[in-house]
Amino acid sequence: MEVLGSVATDLKPEHLNGVYKDIAEHLGIEIAQMIFQHYKGLQVTFPTRFLASAHLRDQICSEYTGHNISGLARKYQYSERWIRKILAEGGITKNYPDKRIKQAKTRVDRLESEGQ
């Protein structure tokens, strides 16, 4: 694929402008030319997350064992709260520990034992 006819035959990454130079250095001149042809003139932003939300939800729900929220949070680099939300959106609303409920039960148990 030629961008500029015969001028493009001896192109090197350092001959390219801005992001095209970076792309050529990492992926090669041909890929940079393809991206230029397809996206020239457009402003493109890349999401900070690589995986689609629906796929991620399915993965998290399928990997959930009932006791691995913190492990999933570390694996996917999300908070435990977000993992719980994703599980709930995926229809999994039972069998996962909610820290607030756990903490409340601990306080009740402690108060009951102090009262006896």
C-alpha atoms as a PDB file:
ATOM      1  CA  MET A   1       0.000   0.000   0.000  1.00  0.00           C
ATOM      2  CA  GLU A   2       1.440   3.304  -0.994  1.00  0.00           C
ATOM      3  CA  VAL A   3       0.426   6.548   0.636  1.00  0.00           C
ATOM      4  CA  LEU A   4       2.376   9.033  -1.450  1.00  0.00           C
ATOM      5  CA  GLY A   5       3.240   7.076  -4.577  1.00  0.00           C
ATOM      6  CA  SER A   6       6.962   6.725  -5.222  1.00  0.00           C
ATOM      7  CA  VAL A   7       7.830   9.101  -2.357  1.00  0.00           C
ATOM      8  CA  ALA A   8       6.626   6.512   0.162  1.00  0.00           C
ATOM      9  CA  THR A   9       8.964   3.729  -0.973  1.00  0.00           C
ATOM     10  CA  ASP A  10      11.900   4.796   1.203  1.00  0.00           C
ATOM     11  CA  LEU A  11       9.943   5.949   4.238  1.00  0.00           C
ATOM     12  CA  LYS A  12      11.339   5.413   7.720  1.00  0.00           C
ATOM     13  CA  PRO A  13       9.519   6.039  11.018  1.00  0.00           C
ATOM     14  CA  GLU A  14      11.491   9.242  11.613  1.00  0.00           C
ATOM     15  CA  HIS A  15      10.016  10.667   8.386  1.00  0.00           C
ATOM     16  CA  LEU A  16       6.471  10.425   9.731  1.00  0.00           C
ATOM     17  CA  ASN A  17       4.385  12.946  11.622  1.00  0.00           C
ATOM     18  CA  GLY A  18       3.314  12.610  15.282  1.00  0.00           C
ATOM     19  CA  VAL A  19       1.396   9.481  16.127  1.00  0.00           C
ATOM     20  CA  TYR A  20       2.176   7.893  12.745  1.00  0.00           C
ATOM     21  CA  LYS A  21       5.850   7.861  13.727  1.00  0.00           C
ATOM     22  CA  ASP A  22       5.007   6.121  17.000  1.00  0.00           C
ATOM     23  CA  ILE A  23       2.806   3.577  15.228  1.00  0.00           C
ATOM     24  CA  ALA A  24       5.490   2.888  12.617  1.00  0.00           C
ATOM     25  CA  GLU A  25       8.134   2.392  15.309  1.00  0.00           C
ATOM     26  CA  HIS A  26       5.982  -0.122  17.185  1.00  0.00           C
ATOM     27  CA  LEU A  27       3.987  -1.812  14.423  1.00  0.00           C
ATOM     28  CA  GLY A  28       5.799  -1.031  11.174  1.00  0.00           C
ATOM     29  CA  ILE A  29       5.490   1.406   8.275  1.00  0.00           C
ATOM     30  CA  GLU A  30       2.841  -0.654   6.445  1.00  0.00           C
ATOM     31  CA  ILE A  31       0.505  -0.671   9.462  1.00  0.00           C
ATOM     32  CA  ALA A  32       1.050   3.079   9.926  1.00  0.00           C
ATOM     33  CA  GLN A  33       0.115   3.603   6.262  1.00  0.00           C
ATOM     34  CA  MET A  34      -3.039   1.477   6.654  1.00  0.00           C
ATOM     35  CA  ILE A  35      -4.090   3.424   9.729  1.00  0.00           C
ATOM     36  CA  PHE A  36      -3.406   6.676   7.896  1.00  0.00           C
ATOM     37  CA  GLN A  37      -5.531   5.597   4.917  1.00  0.00           C
ATOM     38  CA  HIS A  38      -8.409   4.425   7.090  1.00  0.00           C
ATOM     39  CA  TYR A  39      -8.482   7.084   9.832  1.00  0.00           C
ATOM     40  CA  LYS A  40      -6.816  10.198   8.364  1.00  0.00           C
ATOM     41  CA  GLY A  41      -8.522  13.386   9.437  1.00  0.00           C
ATOM     42  CA  LEU A  42     -10.381  11.704  12.315  1.00  0.00           C
ATOM     43  CA  GLN A  43      -9.740  12.131  15.998  1.00  0.00           C
ATOM     44  CA  VAL A  44      -9.442   8.702  17.544  1.00  0.00           C
ATOM     45  CA  THR A  45      -9.328   7.997  21.264  1.00  0.00           C
ATOM     46  CA  PHE A  46      -8.640   4.586  22.720  1.00  0.00           C
ATOM     47  CA  PRO A  47     -10.517   3.404  25.828  1.00  0.00           C
ATOM     48  CA  THR A  48      -8.401   2.699  28.888  1.00  0.00           C
ATOM     49  CA  ARG A  49     -10.006  -0.746  29.121  1.00  0.00           C
ATOM     50  CA  PHE A  50      -9.272  -3.244  26.357  1.00  0.00           C
ATOM     51  CA  LEU A  51     -12.162  -5.685  26.928  1.00  0.00           C
ATOM     52  CA  ALA A  52     -15.807  -4.944  26.126  1.00  0.00           C
ATOM     53  CA  SER A  53     -18.065  -4.613  29.176  1.00  0.00           C
ATOM     54  CA  ALA A  54     -20.368  -7.473  28.141  1.00  0.00           C
ATOM     55  CA  HIS A  55     -17.443  -9.862  27.646  1.00  0.00           C
ATOM     56  CA  LEU A  56     -15.865  -8.792  30.922  1.00  0.00           C
ATOM     57  CA  ARG A  57     -19.165  -9.336  32.758  1.00  0.00           C
ATOM     58  CA  ASP A  58     -19.483 -12.821  31.278  1.00  0.00           C
ATOM     59  CA  GLN A  59     -15.880 -13.656  32.226  1.00  0.00           C
ATOM     60  CA  ILE A  60     -16.259 -12.412  35.792  1.00  0.00           C
ATOM     61  CA  CYS A  61     -19.553 -14.245  36.262  1.00  0.00           C
ATOM     62  CA  SER A  62     -18.131 -17.481  34.873  1.00  0.00           C
ATOM     63  CA  GLU A  63     -14.983 -17.265  37.026  1.00  0.00           C
ATOM     64  CA  TYR A  64     -16.835 -16.379  40.204  1.00  0.00           C
ATOM     65  CA  THR A  65     -16.694 -19.201  42.751  1.00  0.00           C
ATOM     66  CA  GLY A  66     -18.595 -17.595  45.596  1.00  0.00           C
ATOM     67  CA  HIS A  67     -15.506 -16.550  47.508  1.00  0.00           C
ATOM     68  CA  ASN A  68     -13.101 -14.912  45.062  1.00  0.00           C
ATOM     69  CA  ILE A  69     -14.268 -11.310  44.703  1.00  0.00           C
ATOM     70  CA  SER A  70     -10.944  -9.859  45.851  1.00  0.00           C
ATOM     71  CA  GLY A  71      -9.054 -12.145  43.448  1.00  0.00           C
ATOM     72  CA  LEU A  72     -11.259 -11.085  40.532  1.00  0.00           C
ATOM     73  CA  ALA A  73     -10.807  -7.440  41.497  1.00  0.00           C
ATOM     74  CA  ARG A  74      -7.021  -7.847  41.400  1.00  0.00           C
ATOM     75  CA  LYS A  75      -7.080  -9.859  38.171  1.00  0.00           C
ATOM     76  CA  TYR A  76      -9.230  -7.369  36.252  1.00  0.00           C
ATOM     77  CA  GLN A  77      -7.933  -4.264  38.084  1.00  0.00           C
ATOM     78  CA  TYR A  78     -11.327  -3.129  39.356  1.00  0.00           C
ATOM     79  CA  SER A  79     -12.591  -2.496  42.871  1.00  0.00           C
ATOM     80  CA  GLU A  80     -14.393  -5.210  44.835  1.00  0.00           C
ATOM     81  CA  ARG A  81     -17.465  -2.978  44.825  1.00  0.00           C
ATOM     82  CA  TRP A  82     -17.409  -2.851  41.012  1.00  0.00           C
ATOM     83  CA  ILE A  83     -17.016  -6.652  40.846  1.00  0.00           C
ATOM     84  CA  ARG A  84     -20.089  -7.047  43.093  1.00  0.00           C
ATOM     85  CA  LYS A  85     -22.009  -4.690  40.813  1.00  0.00           C
ATOM     86  CA  ILE A  86     -20.992  -6.687  37.732  1.00  0.00           C
ATOM     87  CA  LEU A  87     -22.022  -9.930  39.438  1.00  0.00           C
ATOM     88  CA  ALA A  88     -25.407  -8.418  40.279  1.00  0.00           C
ATOM     89  CA  GLU A  89     -25.838  -7.226  36.685  1.00  0.00           C
ATOM     90  CA  GLY A  90     -24.991 -10.750  35.562  1.00  0.00           C
ATOM     91  CA  GLY A  91     -27.794 -12.113  37.725  1.00  0.00           C
ATOM     92  CA  ILE A  92     -25.576 -13.399  40.528  1.00  0.00           C
ATOM     93  CA  THR A  93     -27.010 -11.793  43.638  1.00  0.00           C
ATOM     94  CA  LYS A  94     -26.563 -14.528  46.213  1.00  0.00           C
ATOM     95  CA  ASN A  95     -23.611 -16.420  47.629  1.00  0.00           C
ATOM     96  CA  TYR A  96     -21.172 -13.567  47.645  1.00  0.00           C
ATOM     97  CA  PRO A  97     -20.135 -11.913  50.880  1.00  0.00           C
ATOM     98  CA  ASP A  98     -20.970  -8.265  51.290  1.00  0.00           C
ATOM     99  CA  LYS A  99     -18.453  -6.681  53.638  1.00  0.00           C
ATOM    100  CA  ARG A 100     -21.047  -4.352  55.163  1.00  0.00           C
ATOM    101  CA  ILE A 101     -23.348  -7.259  56.020  1.00  0.00           C
ATOM    102  CA  LYS A 102     -20.409  -9.228  57.373  1.00  0.00           C
ATOM    103  CA  GLN A 103     -19.281  -6.259  59.495  1.00  0.00           C
ATOM    104  CA  ALA A 104     -22.832  -5.691  60.795  1.00  0.00           C
ATOM    105  CA  LYS A 105     -23.161  -9.367  61.784  1.00  0.00           C
ATOM    106  CA  THR A 106     -19.812  -9.182  63.580  1.00  0.00           C
ATOM    107  CA  ARG A 107     -20.963  -6.126  65.562  1.00  0.00           C
ATOM    108  CA  VAL A 108     -24.261  -7.784  66.476  1.00  0.00           C
ATOM    109  CA  ASP A 109     -22.437 -10.937  67.578  1.00  0.00           C
ATOM    110  CA  ARG A 110     -20.009  -8.870  69.657  1.00  0.00           C
ATOM    111  CA  LEU A 111     -22.826  -6.879  71.280  1.00  0.00           C
ATOM    112  CA  GLU A 112     -24.750 -10.067  72.035  1.00  0.00           C
ATOM    113  CA  SER A 113     -21.693 -11.693  73.617  1.00  0.00           C
ATOM    114  CA  GLU A 114     -20.986  -8.580  75.721  1.00  0.00           C
ATOM    115  CA  GLY A 115     -24.586  -8.499  76.912  1.00  0.00           C
ATOM    116  CA  GLN A 116     -24.456 -12.087  78.212  1.00  0.00           C
END
